[in-house]
Amino acid sequence: MRPADWTPVDLTTIARVALSGGFDEHVVQRMLEMCHPATPWWRRLWQPGTILLARELLEAGDPAMSASDHARDALLAQLRDRAMNDPGCGPPRQRTATRTLLQAKSASIVRPGHNWSLLEQYADSLSASYLANWASELRAQAATPSLSAEATARLLVAHLLDEGCSEKFVHRWLTYHSQHDSTTYTLADLVDLLTARMSQPSTATEVLVPLAAEVTLPRPLPPGWLTTQQARHWRAANIPDSTPTRQHGALLLTVTAHDIYAAADLVRDRVSAMMNKFSFGARKELLVGSDHRRVGRDRRTPDRPW
C-alpha cells in the first residue's frame, strides 16, 4: 500500500524541474524514481556504492569474518572495475593510480596487513571527496558526459544511501531543489549542495517511544527504560506545551543519523529488536504506542518508526 505522505512519481511533471540541461533532468528524474517506495522493483536501485564495496572488502579481510577466497576475489574484481570507471573516485589520472593498490590479490588484503590498511585509508579519503569529485566531473564533462544518465543516477543515489541518508530525505531534498526552489541549478550545483550537506556531522536525536501497556521490568531498571513517572517528567521537561497523557512507561532512545527519517528507521529497528527479545524471552508482550516524540517537538516524529 502506498504511504499517504509520499507524492507519487509523475514522470510528466518531473521533466519540468528547474534544472539546466536534458542530461541533468534525466539524472534527477531517475534519482527521484529510485528513492520512491511506489517505484516498481525493476526500476529501483540494485547496486552498492563504490565506497561500500571497499568497506565490504575490508570487512571480508577481517579473519574473524571467515570470508571465502572466492567471496573476496569477487569483491575485489567488482571494486577494481568500479574504481576505474566511477568519476566519484577522482579524475582519470587519479583513478589509474589506484590500480596499484587494487592489483593486489585479495588474499593479501587481510587485517591488519599493509594492503588492508591502504585500502582502509583509500575508503576513508574517498568518502570525504566522493561528491566533490562528481561535481568536478560534471562541470568538466558538461558537453559530453563520460557516463550515461542512468549510471550517474545510480552511483549518486547508492553513495547517499550507503553514507546513511534515508530514501525519503533524498527524495524530498531533490524535490524541493528541483521543483520548488526558484533557483535554476545544474546537476553539478546540486551535487555541490549535497557535498555541503553531507559534510555536516550526523546529529544525535533523542526519541521518546511510549509503551501502550505496562510491562514487568527487572531491577535495577535497564538503561533507556523510563517508568510511568519518569516518562511524564521527561515530556514536561523536553516537549514545549505538551498536553498531559496517560503514561505506561516509555523507551528513551538516542540515535545518530544524517536526517530525521534515517533516525526514525534506526528507532524502528531498535524497537523491533526489543519486541523480539520480549517475545522470545517469554515475558509479557511489549506493546508500543504511536505517539513518539523528539526533544523540543510537540508533534510526532515523521513516520511511525515500527
Foldseek 3Di string as FASTA:
>chain_A
DADPPDDDQDPVCLQVWLAPDPLQSLLLSLLLLQLGPVRDPVSHFDDAALLVLLVVLLVLQEVVVVHDLVVNQVSLVVNLVCLCQQLLVAPNVSSVVCCVLSVDRSNQLHPPHPSVVVSVVSSVVSLLRRLVSVLVQCVVCVPPRPDGSVVVNNNVSNSCVVLFDHSVVSNVVSCCNTHPDPDRYYSSRVSVVVSVLSVDFWDKWKKKWFWPAAFDADPPHDPQKFAQVRVQVCCVVFEPPADDDGGRTIGIDIDTGSDLVSVLQVVLVVVVVVQVCCVVVVTPGTGIDQQMDIGHHNGRRPDRSD
